[in-house]
Amino acid sequence: MINLTKEIKLKHDLQKKYVAALVVLYVTFLAGMFFVAYRILFPSAPLFFSFSNANALKNNLLFPRTSGWDTPEKGIIKAGEKFIFNAAPSGFFSKAKISFAPESSADIKGTRVDARKSYMAFFLPDGNPVGFKDGTLLTSKEKYYIVSNGVLREFENQSLMQEMGYSKNAFTQVKEDDLGYNAHGEMISDPQKYP
């Protein structure tokens, strides 16, 4: 234990209080350190919705609605109707825990709860597809392509492709739809005119 009072002599009863205060300080520091480390290593993001007050400021579920796309009046969900909401916690989470604190008069026995992971990409602005990088070798339906200057160019035949030093194994198999990410350019028919 670190003794900060080597030069100072304390009375016996004050020495006991000093040691006890040091122990409390060390325990508090270690507990705080473990708490912070736990929160960093195992984050949680509680999301809340009050059915009794659907417009409360502490509600942090996104777009609560019924299956008819209406906001539930006073948080009342009619029998047989679905209650849908979006949750968007920041960060990456591997588990979701759903809990309810119903009023004593609420009967929720046998109620089914479905949770589904989805992506909100449609809320993001649309832009042009990124496409494949220059030099990428692609194949689809026995046709072979190379991306050059952002343009997809098809090899006229396999023998020309091999003559230019490309192996079939070097090409990445893609779906034909993926070839639309890059504009199509001229066909490669002569190794001397290769771009």
N, C-alpha and C. Protein backbone atom coordinates (compact mmCIF):
# COMPACT_ATOMS: atom_id res chain seq x y z
N MET A 1 0.85 -1.17 0.00
CA MET A 1 0.00 0.00 0.00
C MET A 1 0.90 1.24 0.00
N ILE A 2 0.48 2.24 -0.72
CA ILE A 2 1.26 3.47 -0.80
C ILE A 2 1.06 4.26 0.49
N ASN A 3 2.17 4.66 1.08
CA ASN A 3 2.10 5.47 2.29
C ASN A 3 2.51 6.89 1.94
N LEU A 4 1.55 7.78 1.91
CA LEU A 4 1.82 9.17 1.55
C LEU A 4 2.28 10.00 2.75
N THR A 5 2.33 9.39 3.90
CA THR A 5 2.66 10.14 5.12
C THR A 5 3.90 9.58 5.80
N LYS A 6 4.97 9.34 5.04
CA LYS A 6 6.20 8.81 5.64
C LYS A 6 6.80 9.80 6.63
N GLU A 7 6.73 11.05 6.30
CA GLU A 7 7.33 12.08 7.16
C GLU A 7 6.39 12.54 8.27
N ILE A 8 5.11 12.27 8.09
CA ILE A 8 4.13 12.73 9.07
C ILE A 8 3.75 11.56 9.96
N LYS A 9 3.86 11.72 11.22
CA LYS A 9 3.48 10.68 12.17
C LYS A 9 2.08 11.00 12.68
N LEU A 10 1.18 10.04 12.47
CA LEU A 10 -0.20 10.22 12.94
C LEU A 10 -0.39 9.49 14.25
N LYS A 11 -1.34 9.96 15.00
CA LYS A 11 -1.71 9.24 16.21
C LYS A 11 -2.31 7.90 15.80
N HIS A 12 -2.29 6.97 16.73
CA HIS A 12 -2.74 5.60 16.43
C HIS A 12 -4.18 5.57 15.91
N ASP A 13 -5.09 6.30 16.54
CA ASP A 13 -6.49 6.29 16.08
C ASP A 13 -6.65 6.98 14.72
N LEU A 14 -5.86 8.03 14.46
CA LEU A 14 -5.91 8.68 13.15
C LEU A 14 -5.28 7.80 12.07
N GLN A 15 -4.25 7.02 12.46
CA GLN A 15 -3.62 6.10 11.51
C GLN A 15 -4.64 5.07 11.03
N LYS A 16 -5.47 4.56 11.93
CA LYS A 16 -6.50 3.58 11.55
C LYS A 16 -7.51 4.22 10.59
N LYS A 17 -7.92 5.45 10.89
CA LYS A 17 -8.87 6.15 10.02
C LYS A 17 -8.26 6.41 8.65
N TYR A 18 -6.97 6.75 8.64
CA TYR A 18 -6.28 7.02 7.37
C TYR A 18 -6.22 5.75 6.51
N VAL A 19 -5.88 4.63 7.10
CA VAL A 19 -5.81 3.35 6.36
C VAL A 19 -7.21 2.97 5.87
N ALA A 20 -8.23 3.15 6.70
CA ALA A 20 -9.60 2.84 6.29
C ALA A 20 -10.03 3.74 5.12
N ALA A 21 -9.67 5.02 5.18
CA ALA A 21 -10.01 5.94 4.09
C ALA A 21 -9.29 5.54 2.80
N LEU A 22 -8.03 5.10 2.91
CA LEU A 22 -7.29 4.63 1.72
C LEU A 22 -7.96 3.41 1.11
N VAL A 23 -8.37 2.47 1.95
CA VAL A 23 -9.04 1.25 1.46
C VAL A 23 -10.33 1.63 0.74
N VAL A 24 -11.12 2.51 1.35
CA VAL A 24 -12.37 2.95 0.72
C VAL A 24 -12.08 3.64 -0.61
N LEU A 25 -11.05 4.46 -0.65
CA LEU A 25 -10.68 5.16 -1.88
C LEU A 25 -10.28 4.17 -2.97
N TYR A 26 -9.45 3.18 -2.63
CA TYR A 26 -9.02 2.19 -3.62
C TYR A 26 -10.19 1.34 -4.11
N VAL A 27 -11.04 0.91 -3.20
CA VAL A 27 -12.20 0.10 -3.58
C VAL A 27 -13.14 0.90 -4.47
N THR A 28 -13.36 2.16 -4.13
CA THR A 28 -14.23 3.02 -4.95
C THR A 28 -13.64 3.21 -6.34
N PHE A 29 -12.34 3.44 -6.40
CA PHE A 29 -11.68 3.62 -7.70
C PHE A 29 -11.78 2.35 -8.55
N LEU A 30 -11.49 1.19 -7.95
CA LEU A 30 -11.56 -0.08 -8.70
C LEU A 30 -12.99 -0.37 -9.15
N ALA A 31 -13.97 -0.14 -8.27
CA ALA A 31 -15.37 -0.37 -8.65
C ALA A 31 -15.77 0.55 -9.80
N GLY A 32 -15.37 1.81 -9.72
CA GLY A 32 -15.66 2.75 -10.81
C GLY A 32 -14.99 2.34 -12.10
N MET A 33 -13.75 1.88 -12.00
CA MET A 33 -13.02 1.44 -13.20
C MET A 33 -13.71 0.23 -13.84
N PHE A 34 -14.12 -0.75 -13.02
CA PHE A 34 -14.81 -1.92 -13.56
C PHE A 34 -16.16 -1.55 -14.16
N PHE A 35 -16.87 -0.62 -13.52
CA PHE A 35 -18.17 -0.18 -14.04
C PHE A 35 -18.01 0.48 -15.41
N VAL A 36 -17.04 1.38 -15.54
CA VAL A 36 -16.80 2.05 -16.82
C VAL A 36 -16.36 1.05 -17.88
N ALA A 37 -15.47 0.12 -17.52
CA ALA A 37 -15.01 -0.89 -18.48
C ALA A 37 -16.18 -1.77 -18.92
N TYR A 38 -17.06 -2.14 -17.99
CA TYR A 38 -18.22 -2.96 -18.34
C TYR A 38 -19.15 -2.22 -19.30
N ARG A 39 -19.38 -0.93 -19.04
CA ARG A 39 -20.25 -0.15 -19.91
C ARG A 39 -19.66 0.03 -21.30
N ILE A 40 -18.33 0.09 -21.38
CA ILE A 40 -17.68 0.24 -22.69
C ILE A 40 -17.68 -1.09 -23.43
N LEU A 41 -17.34 -2.17 -22.74
CA LEU A 41 -17.24 -3.48 -23.39
C LEU A 41 -18.59 -4.11 -23.67
N PHE A 42 -19.59 -3.85 -22.83
CA PHE A 42 -20.92 -4.43 -22.98
C PHE A 42 -21.96 -3.31 -22.95
N PRO A 43 -22.07 -2.54 -24.03
CA PRO A 43 -23.00 -1.41 -24.02
C PRO A 43 -24.45 -1.87 -24.07
N SER A 44 -25.33 -1.05 -23.58
CA SER A 44 -26.76 -1.30 -23.68
C SER A 44 -27.44 0.00 -24.08
N ALA A 45 -28.57 -0.14 -24.74
CA ALA A 45 -29.31 1.04 -25.18
C ALA A 45 -30.79 0.82 -24.86
N PRO A 46 -31.24 1.25 -23.69
CA PRO A 46 -32.66 1.06 -23.35
C PRO A 46 -33.56 1.96 -24.19
N LEU A 47 -34.60 1.37 -24.74
CA LEU A 47 -35.59 2.11 -25.51
C LEU A 47 -36.91 2.02 -24.75
N PHE A 48 -37.69 3.09 -24.76
CA PHE A 48 -38.86 3.18 -23.89
C PHE A 48 -40.06 3.69 -24.66
N PHE A 49 -41.24 3.15 -24.32
CA PHE A 49 -42.49 3.68 -24.85
C PHE A 49 -43.56 3.55 -23.77
N SER A 50 -44.22 4.64 -23.47
CA SER A 50 -45.30 4.65 -22.48
C SER A 50 -46.63 4.57 -23.22
N PHE A 51 -47.36 3.48 -22.99
CA PHE A 51 -48.67 3.34 -23.64
C PHE A 51 -49.68 4.32 -23.08
N SER A 52 -49.50 4.73 -21.84
CA SER A 52 -50.46 5.66 -21.24
C SER A 52 -50.28 7.08 -21.78
N ASN A 53 -49.09 7.41 -22.27
CA ASN A 53 -48.86 8.73 -22.86
C ASN A 53 -47.97 8.56 -24.09
N ALA A 54 -48.61 8.37 -25.24
CA ALA A 54 -47.87 8.08 -26.47
C ALA A 54 -47.03 9.26 -26.93
N ASN A 55 -47.32 10.46 -26.44
CA ASN A 55 -46.57 11.65 -26.86
C ASN A 55 -45.56 12.12 -25.82
N ALA A 56 -45.24 11.27 -24.85
CA ALA A 56 -44.29 11.66 -23.80
C ALA A 56 -42.91 11.90 -24.40
N LEU A 57 -42.20 12.86 -23.83
CA LEU A 57 -40.87 13.19 -24.34
C LEU A 57 -39.86 12.07 -24.08
N LYS A 58 -40.10 11.25 -23.07
CA LYS A 58 -39.14 10.18 -22.77
C LYS A 58 -39.32 8.97 -23.69
N ASN A 59 -40.36 8.95 -24.50
CA ASN A 59 -40.53 7.87 -25.48
C ASN A 59 -39.45 8.00 -26.55
N ASN A 60 -38.67 6.97 -26.73
CA ASN A 60 -37.61 7.04 -27.74
C ASN A 60 -37.72 5.94 -28.79
N LEU A 61 -38.89 5.31 -28.90
CA LEU A 61 -39.13 4.40 -30.02
C LEU A 61 -39.58 5.24 -31.20
N LEU A 62 -39.16 4.84 -32.38
CA LEU A 62 -39.44 5.63 -33.57
C LEU A 62 -40.75 5.20 -34.22
N PHE A 63 -41.54 6.15 -34.59
CA PHE A 63 -42.75 5.97 -35.38
C PHE A 63 -43.66 4.86 -34.85
N PRO A 64 -44.16 4.97 -33.60
CA PRO A 64 -45.11 3.97 -33.10
C PRO A 64 -46.43 4.08 -33.85
N ARG A 65 -46.97 2.94 -34.27
CA ARG A 65 -48.18 2.96 -35.09
C ARG A 65 -48.92 1.64 -34.97
N THR A 66 -50.17 1.66 -35.37
CA THR A 66 -50.94 0.43 -35.45
C THR A 66 -50.79 -0.13 -36.86
N SER A 67 -51.36 -1.30 -37.09
CA SER A 67 -51.25 -1.89 -38.42
C SER A 67 -51.95 -1.05 -39.48
N GLY A 68 -52.84 -0.14 -39.06
CA GLY A 68 -53.50 0.77 -39.99
C GLY A 68 -52.76 2.08 -40.16
N TRP A 69 -51.51 2.16 -39.69
CA TRP A 69 -50.63 3.32 -39.81
C TRP A 69 -51.13 4.51 -39.01
N ASP A 70 -51.93 4.27 -37.97
CA ASP A 70 -52.41 5.35 -37.10
C ASP A 70 -51.63 5.32 -35.79
N THR A 71 -51.43 6.49 -35.20
CA THR A 71 -50.83 6.55 -33.87
C THR A 71 -51.88 6.10 -32.87
N PRO A 72 -51.55 5.17 -31.97
CA PRO A 72 -52.57 4.68 -31.03
C PRO A 72 -53.04 5.78 -30.09
N GLU A 73 -54.36 5.96 -30.02
CA GLU A 73 -54.92 6.98 -29.15
C GLU A 73 -54.76 6.56 -27.70
N LYS A 74 -54.16 7.42 -26.90
CA LYS A 74 -53.93 7.18 -25.47
C LYS A 74 -53.23 5.84 -25.24
N GLY A 75 -52.51 5.36 -26.23
CA GLY A 75 -51.75 4.13 -26.08
C GLY A 75 -52.60 2.87 -26.05
N ILE A 76 -53.86 2.98 -26.45
CA ILE A 76 -54.75 1.82 -26.39
C ILE A 76 -54.67 1.07 -27.72
N ILE A 77 -54.36 -0.20 -27.62
CA ILE A 77 -54.30 -1.08 -28.80
C ILE A 77 -55.51 -1.99 -28.72
N LYS A 78 -56.33 -1.98 -29.76
CA LYS A 78 -57.54 -2.80 -29.77
C LYS A 78 -57.18 -4.27 -29.93
N ALA A 79 -58.06 -5.12 -29.48
CA ALA A 79 -57.84 -6.57 -29.57
C ALA A 79 -57.69 -6.97 -31.03
N GLY A 80 -56.71 -7.79 -31.31
CA GLY A 80 -56.47 -8.27 -32.67
C GLY A 80 -55.69 -7.31 -33.54
N GLU A 81 -55.38 -6.13 -33.02
CA GLU A 81 -54.64 -5.15 -33.80
C GLU A 81 -53.16 -5.21 -33.45
N LYS A 82 -52.32 -4.93 -34.42
CA LYS A 82 -50.88 -4.97 -34.20
C LYS A 82 -50.36 -3.60 -33.81
N PHE A 83 -49.36 -3.60 -32.95
CA PHE A 83 -48.65 -2.37 -32.59
C PHE A 83 -47.24 -2.50 -33.14
N ILE A 84 -46.85 -1.56 -33.98
CA ILE A 84 -45.57 -1.64 -34.69
C ILE A 84 -44.75 -0.40 -34.34
N PHE A 85 -43.45 -0.59 -34.17
CA PHE A 85 -42.57 0.55 -33.95
C PHE A 85 -41.19 0.21 -34.48
N ASN A 86 -40.40 1.24 -34.67
CA ASN A 86 -39.01 1.07 -35.09
C ASN A 86 -38.11 1.44 -33.92
N ALA A 87 -37.01 0.73 -33.81
CA ALA A 87 -36.01 1.04 -32.79
C ALA A 87 -34.67 1.18 -33.49
N ALA A 88 -33.98 2.26 -33.22
CA ALA A 88 -32.70 2.50 -33.90
C ALA A 88 -31.63 2.88 -32.89
N PRO A 89 -31.15 1.90 -32.11
CA PRO A 89 -30.06 2.23 -31.19
C PRO A 89 -28.77 2.44 -31.95
N SER A 90 -27.96 3.37 -31.49
CA SER A 90 -26.69 3.58 -32.16
C SER A 90 -25.71 2.52 -31.67
N GLY A 91 -24.92 1.99 -32.57
CA GLY A 91 -23.96 0.95 -32.21
C GLY A 91 -24.40 -0.39 -32.77
N PHE A 92 -23.60 -1.41 -32.49
CA PHE A 92 -23.88 -2.76 -32.97
C PHE A 92 -24.23 -3.63 -31.77
N PHE A 93 -25.39 -4.24 -31.80
CA PHE A 93 -25.85 -5.05 -30.69
C PHE A 93 -26.16 -6.45 -31.18
N SER A 94 -25.85 -7.44 -30.34
CA SER A 94 -26.08 -8.83 -30.71
C SER A 94 -27.32 -9.40 -30.06
N LYS A 95 -27.86 -8.73 -29.06
CA LYS A 95 -29.03 -9.24 -28.36
C LYS A 95 -30.05 -8.13 -28.17
N ALA A 96 -31.32 -8.54 -28.14
CA ALA A 96 -32.40 -7.60 -27.84
C ALA A 96 -33.26 -8.23 -26.75
N LYS A 97 -33.55 -7.49 -25.72
CA LYS A 97 -34.39 -7.96 -24.63
C LYS A 97 -35.62 -7.08 -24.58
N ILE A 98 -36.80 -7.70 -24.67
CA ILE A 98 -38.05 -6.95 -24.66
C ILE A 98 -38.77 -7.26 -23.36
N SER A 99 -39.18 -6.23 -22.64
CA SER A 99 -39.92 -6.45 -21.39
C SER A 99 -41.09 -5.47 -21.33
N PHE A 100 -42.14 -5.89 -20.64
CA PHE A 100 -43.34 -5.07 -20.49
C PHE A 100 -43.63 -4.89 -19.01
N ALA A 101 -44.14 -3.74 -18.66
CA ALA A 101 -44.62 -3.48 -17.30
C ALA A 101 -46.09 -3.09 -17.42
N PRO A 102 -46.98 -4.08 -17.54
CA PRO A 102 -48.40 -3.75 -17.78
C PRO A 102 -49.08 -3.24 -16.51
N GLU A 103 -50.17 -2.51 -16.74
CA GLU A 103 -51.00 -2.09 -15.62
C GLU A 103 -51.67 -3.33 -15.05
N SER A 104 -52.12 -3.23 -13.83
CA SER A 104 -52.72 -4.40 -13.17
C SER A 104 -53.98 -4.87 -13.89
N SER A 105 -54.68 -3.95 -14.57
CA SER A 105 -55.92 -4.32 -15.25
C SER A 105 -55.68 -4.87 -16.66
N ALA A 106 -54.46 -4.76 -17.17
CA ALA A 106 -54.18 -5.21 -18.53
C ALA A 106 -54.00 -6.72 -18.56
N ASP A 107 -54.62 -7.34 -19.55
CA ASP A 107 -54.48 -8.79 -19.71
C ASP A 107 -53.68 -9.04 -20.99
N ILE A 108 -52.41 -9.35 -20.83
CA ILE A 108 -51.57 -9.57 -22.01
C ILE A 108 -51.12 -11.03 -22.12
N LYS A 109 -51.73 -11.91 -21.35
CA LYS A 109 -51.36 -13.32 -21.44
C LYS A 109 -51.70 -13.85 -22.83
N GLY A 110 -50.79 -14.60 -23.40
CA GLY A 110 -51.01 -15.17 -24.72
C GLY A 110 -50.77 -14.20 -25.86
N THR A 111 -50.32 -12.99 -25.53
CA THR A 111 -50.03 -12.01 -26.57
C THR A 111 -48.71 -12.35 -27.24
N ARG A 112 -48.70 -12.30 -28.54
CA ARG A 112 -47.50 -12.64 -29.29
C ARG A 112 -46.69 -11.38 -29.58
N VAL A 113 -45.38 -11.49 -29.40
CA VAL A 113 -44.47 -10.38 -29.68
C VAL A 113 -43.46 -10.85 -30.71
N ASP A 114 -43.37 -10.14 -31.82
CA ASP A 114 -42.39 -10.46 -32.86
C ASP A 114 -41.36 -9.35 -32.92
N ALA A 115 -40.10 -9.73 -33.01
CA ALA A 115 -39.03 -8.76 -33.20
C ALA A 115 -38.31 -9.12 -34.49
N ARG A 116 -38.04 -8.13 -35.29
CA ARG A 116 -37.41 -8.39 -36.59
C ARG A 116 -36.29 -7.38 -36.80
N LYS A 117 -35.16 -7.89 -37.23
CA LYS A 117 -34.04 -7.01 -37.56
C LYS A 117 -34.22 -6.56 -39.00
N SER A 118 -34.14 -5.28 -39.21
CA SER A 118 -34.27 -4.76 -40.57
C SER A 118 -33.28 -3.63 -40.75
N TYR A 119 -33.22 -3.13 -41.95
CA TYR A 119 -32.28 -2.07 -42.27
C TYR A 119 -33.06 -0.87 -42.79
N MET A 120 -32.61 0.31 -42.47
CA MET A 120 -33.32 1.53 -42.84
C MET A 120 -32.63 2.25 -43.98
N ALA A 121 -32.12 1.51 -44.94
CA ALA A 121 -31.37 2.12 -46.03
C ALA A 121 -32.24 3.07 -46.84
N PHE A 122 -33.56 2.81 -46.87
CA PHE A 122 -34.41 3.66 -47.68
C PHE A 122 -34.57 5.05 -47.08
N PHE A 123 -34.14 5.27 -45.84
CA PHE A 123 -34.16 6.60 -45.26
C PHE A 123 -32.93 7.41 -45.66
N LEU A 124 -31.93 6.74 -46.18
CA LEU A 124 -30.70 7.43 -46.56
C LEU A 124 -30.85 8.00 -47.97
N PRO A 125 -30.16 9.06 -48.29
CA PRO A 125 -30.28 9.62 -49.64
C PRO A 125 -29.74 8.66 -50.70
N ASP A 126 -30.42 8.64 -51.82
CA ASP A 126 -29.99 7.78 -52.92
C ASP A 126 -28.88 8.45 -53.70
N GLY A 127 -27.97 7.66 -54.16
CA GLY A 127 -26.88 8.16 -54.99
C GLY A 127 -26.59 7.15 -56.08
N ASN A 128 -25.63 7.47 -56.91
CA ASN A 128 -25.26 6.54 -57.96
C ASN A 128 -24.58 5.32 -57.35
N PRO A 129 -24.77 4.13 -57.97
CA PRO A 129 -24.09 2.95 -57.45
C PRO A 129 -22.58 3.15 -57.50
N VAL A 130 -21.90 2.56 -56.55
CA VAL A 130 -20.45 2.73 -56.47
C VAL A 130 -19.75 2.05 -57.64
N GLY A 131 -20.19 0.87 -58.01
CA GLY A 131 -19.55 0.15 -59.11
C GLY A 131 -18.28 -0.55 -58.66
N PHE A 132 -17.68 -1.27 -59.59
CA PHE A 132 -16.45 -2.01 -59.29
C PHE A 132 -15.24 -1.13 -59.59
N LYS A 133 -14.15 -1.36 -58.84
CA LYS A 133 -12.93 -0.57 -59.01
C LYS A 133 -12.22 -0.94 -60.30
N ASP A 134 -11.41 -0.02 -60.78
CA ASP A 134 -10.59 -0.28 -61.97
C ASP A 134 -9.68 -1.48 -61.71
N GLY A 135 -9.58 -2.33 -62.73
CA GLY A 135 -8.73 -3.51 -62.63
C GLY A 135 -9.45 -4.74 -62.13
N THR A 136 -10.72 -4.60 -61.73
CA THR A 136 -11.48 -5.75 -61.24
C THR A 136 -11.82 -6.66 -62.40
N LEU A 137 -11.60 -7.96 -62.21
CA LEU A 137 -11.92 -8.97 -63.23
C LEU A 137 -13.20 -9.67 -62.82
N LEU A 138 -14.20 -9.66 -63.72
CA LEU A 138 -15.52 -10.21 -63.42
C LEU A 138 -15.93 -11.21 -64.48
N THR A 139 -16.75 -12.18 -64.08
CA THR A 139 -17.31 -13.13 -65.04
C THR A 139 -18.76 -13.40 -64.69
N SER A 140 -19.56 -13.58 -65.74
CA SER A 140 -20.97 -13.93 -65.59
C SER A 140 -21.42 -14.63 -66.86
N LYS A 141 -22.02 -15.78 -66.70
CA LYS A 141 -22.55 -16.56 -67.83
C LYS A 141 -21.50 -16.78 -68.92
N GLU A 142 -20.32 -17.24 -68.51
CA GLU A 142 -19.21 -17.57 -69.42
C GLU A 142 -18.73 -16.37 -70.24
N LYS A 143 -19.02 -15.17 -69.78
CA LYS A 143 -18.47 -13.97 -70.39
C LYS A 143 -17.51 -13.36 -69.39
N TYR A 144 -16.42 -12.78 -69.88
CA TYR A 144 -15.36 -12.27 -69.02
C TYR A 144 -15.18 -10.77 -69.25
N TYR A 145 -15.03 -10.04 -68.14
CA TYR A 145 -14.98 -8.58 -68.20
C TYR A 145 -13.81 -8.06 -67.36
N ILE A 146 -13.37 -6.84 -67.71
CA ILE A 146 -12.42 -6.10 -66.88
C ILE A 146 -12.95 -4.68 -66.75
N VAL A 147 -12.77 -4.10 -65.57
CA VAL A 147 -13.17 -2.71 -65.36
C VAL A 147 -11.95 -1.84 -65.64
N SER A 148 -12.11 -0.91 -66.57
CA SER A 148 -11.01 -0.03 -66.96
C SER A 148 -11.55 1.39 -67.08
N ASN A 149 -10.97 2.33 -66.34
CA ASN A 149 -11.43 3.72 -66.31
C ASN A 149 -12.90 3.82 -65.92
N GLY A 150 -13.34 2.97 -64.99
CA GLY A 150 -14.72 2.98 -64.51
C GLY A 150 -15.71 2.34 -65.45
N VAL A 151 -15.23 1.82 -66.59
CA VAL A 151 -16.10 1.24 -67.62
C VAL A 151 -15.88 -0.27 -67.67
N LEU A 152 -16.97 -1.02 -67.83
CA LEU A 152 -16.91 -2.47 -67.93
C LEU A 152 -16.67 -2.86 -69.38
N ARG A 153 -15.60 -3.60 -69.63
CA ARG A 153 -15.26 -4.00 -71.00
C ARG A 153 -15.19 -5.51 -71.07
N GLU A 154 -15.86 -6.07 -72.07
CA GLU A 154 -15.92 -7.52 -72.23
C GLU A 154 -14.80 -7.99 -73.15
N PHE A 155 -14.20 -9.14 -72.79
CA PHE A 155 -13.22 -9.77 -73.68
C PHE A 155 -14.00 -10.47 -74.79
N GLU A 156 -13.50 -10.33 -76.03
CA GLU A 156 -14.21 -10.91 -77.18
C GLU A 156 -14.33 -12.42 -77.06
N ASN A 157 -13.27 -13.07 -76.60
CA ASN A 157 -13.31 -14.52 -76.41
C ASN A 157 -12.30 -14.93 -75.34
N GLN A 158 -12.40 -16.19 -74.92
CA GLN A 158 -11.53 -16.67 -73.85
C GLN A 158 -10.08 -16.80 -74.29
N SER A 159 -9.86 -17.15 -75.53
CA SER A 159 -8.47 -17.31 -75.99
C SER A 159 -7.75 -15.95 -75.98
N LEU A 160 -8.45 -14.88 -76.35
CA LEU A 160 -7.87 -13.54 -76.30
C LEU A 160 -7.54 -13.16 -74.85
N MET A 161 -8.46 -13.50 -73.97
CA MET A 161 -8.26 -13.21 -72.54
C MET A 161 -7.01 -13.93 -72.02
N GLN A 162 -6.85 -15.19 -72.39
CA GLN A 162 -5.69 -15.97 -71.93
C GLN A 162 -4.41 -15.49 -72.62
N GLU A 163 -4.53 -15.06 -73.87
CA GLU A 163 -3.37 -14.53 -74.60
C GLU A 163 -2.85 -13.26 -73.91
N MET A 164 -3.75 -12.51 -73.30
CA MET A 164 -3.36 -11.28 -72.61
C MET A 164 -2.84 -11.56 -71.20
N GLY A 165 -2.83 -12.84 -70.80
CA GLY A 165 -2.23 -13.21 -69.52
C GLY A 165 -3.21 -13.35 -68.36
N TYR A 166 -4.50 -13.39 -68.65
CA TYR A 166 -5.49 -13.53 -67.58
C TYR A 166 -5.93 -14.98 -67.47
N SER A 167 -5.98 -15.49 -66.25
CA SER A 167 -6.44 -16.86 -65.99
C SER A 167 -7.92 -16.82 -65.62
N LYS A 168 -8.65 -17.88 -65.97
CA LYS A 168 -10.07 -17.95 -65.62
C LYS A 168 -10.27 -17.86 -64.11
N ASN A 169 -9.33 -18.40 -63.36
CA ASN A 169 -9.45 -18.43 -61.90
C ASN A 169 -9.33 -17.05 -61.27
N ALA A 170 -8.80 -16.09 -62.00
CA ALA A 170 -8.61 -14.74 -61.46
C ALA A 170 -9.90 -13.91 -61.49
N PHE A 171 -10.92 -14.40 -62.17
CA PHE A 171 -12.16 -13.64 -62.34
C PHE A 171 -13.14 -13.97 -61.21
N THR A 172 -13.82 -12.95 -60.75
CA THR A 172 -14.82 -13.09 -59.69
C THR A 172 -16.19 -13.31 -60.32
N GLN A 173 -16.87 -14.38 -59.90
CA GLN A 173 -18.21 -14.70 -60.41
C GLN A 173 -19.21 -13.72 -59.80
N VAL A 174 -20.00 -13.06 -60.66
CA VAL A 174 -21.03 -12.13 -60.19
C VAL A 174 -22.33 -12.41 -60.93
N LYS A 175 -23.43 -11.90 -60.39
CA LYS A 175 -24.72 -12.01 -61.08
C LYS A 175 -24.73 -11.01 -62.23
N GLU A 176 -25.54 -11.31 -63.22
CA GLU A 176 -25.59 -10.43 -64.39
C GLU A 176 -26.09 -9.03 -64.01
N ASP A 177 -26.98 -8.96 -63.03
CA ASP A 177 -27.49 -7.65 -62.58
C ASP A 177 -26.37 -6.77 -62.02
N ASP A 178 -25.37 -7.40 -61.39
CA ASP A 178 -24.27 -6.64 -60.79
C ASP A 178 -23.41 -5.95 -61.85
N LEU A 179 -23.45 -6.46 -63.06
CA LEU A 179 -22.65 -5.85 -64.13
C LEU A 179 -23.18 -4.47 -64.51
N GLY A 180 -24.41 -4.17 -64.12
CA GLY A 180 -25.00 -2.87 -64.42
C GLY A 180 -24.48 -1.73 -63.55
N TYR A 181 -23.66 -2.05 -62.54
CA TYR A 181 -23.11 -1.00 -61.68
C TYR A 181 -22.11 -0.12 -62.41
N ASN A 182 -21.50 -0.65 -63.45
CA ASN A 182 -20.55 0.13 -64.26
C ASN A 182 -21.11 0.27 -65.67
N ALA A 183 -20.81 1.40 -66.30
CA ALA A 183 -21.21 1.59 -67.70
C ALA A 183 -20.44 0.60 -68.57
N HIS A 184 -21.08 0.14 -69.65
CA HIS A 184 -20.43 -0.81 -70.56
C HIS A 184 -19.66 -0.04 -71.63
N GLY A 185 -18.45 -0.48 -71.86
CA GLY A 185 -17.60 0.14 -72.88
C GLY A 185 -17.40 -0.78 -74.06
N GLU A 186 -16.42 -0.42 -74.90
CA GLU A 186 -16.13 -1.22 -76.09
C GLU A 186 -15.63 -2.60 -75.71
N MET A 187 -15.90 -3.56 -76.60
CA MET A 187 -15.42 -4.91 -76.40
C MET A 187 -13.92 -4.94 -76.69
N ILE A 188 -13.18 -5.74 -75.93
CA ILE A 188 -11.74 -5.89 -76.16
C ILE A 188 -11.55 -6.98 -77.20
N SER A 189 -11.12 -6.58 -78.40
CA SER A 189 -10.96 -7.54 -79.49
C SER A 189 -9.51 -7.66 -79.96
N ASP A 190 -8.66 -6.75 -79.50
CA ASP A 190 -7.26 -6.75 -79.94
C ASP A 190 -6.38 -6.40 -78.75
N PRO A 191 -5.40 -7.26 -78.42
CA PRO A 191 -4.54 -6.95 -77.27
C PRO A 191 -3.72 -5.68 -77.47
N GLN A 192 -3.52 -5.25 -78.70
CA GLN A 192 -2.74 -4.03 -78.96
C GLN A 192 -3.56 -2.77 -78.66
N LYS A 193 -4.89 -2.87 -78.74
CA LYS A 193 -5.76 -1.71 -78.52
C LYS A 193 -6.39 -1.74 -77.12
N TYR A 194 -5.78 -2.51 -76.27
CA TYR A 194 -6.30 -2.60 -74.90
C TYR A 194 -6.08 -1.28 -74.18
N PRO A 195 -7.10 -0.76 -73.49
CA PRO A 195 -6.98 0.57 -72.85
C PRO A 195 -6.02 0.58 -71.66
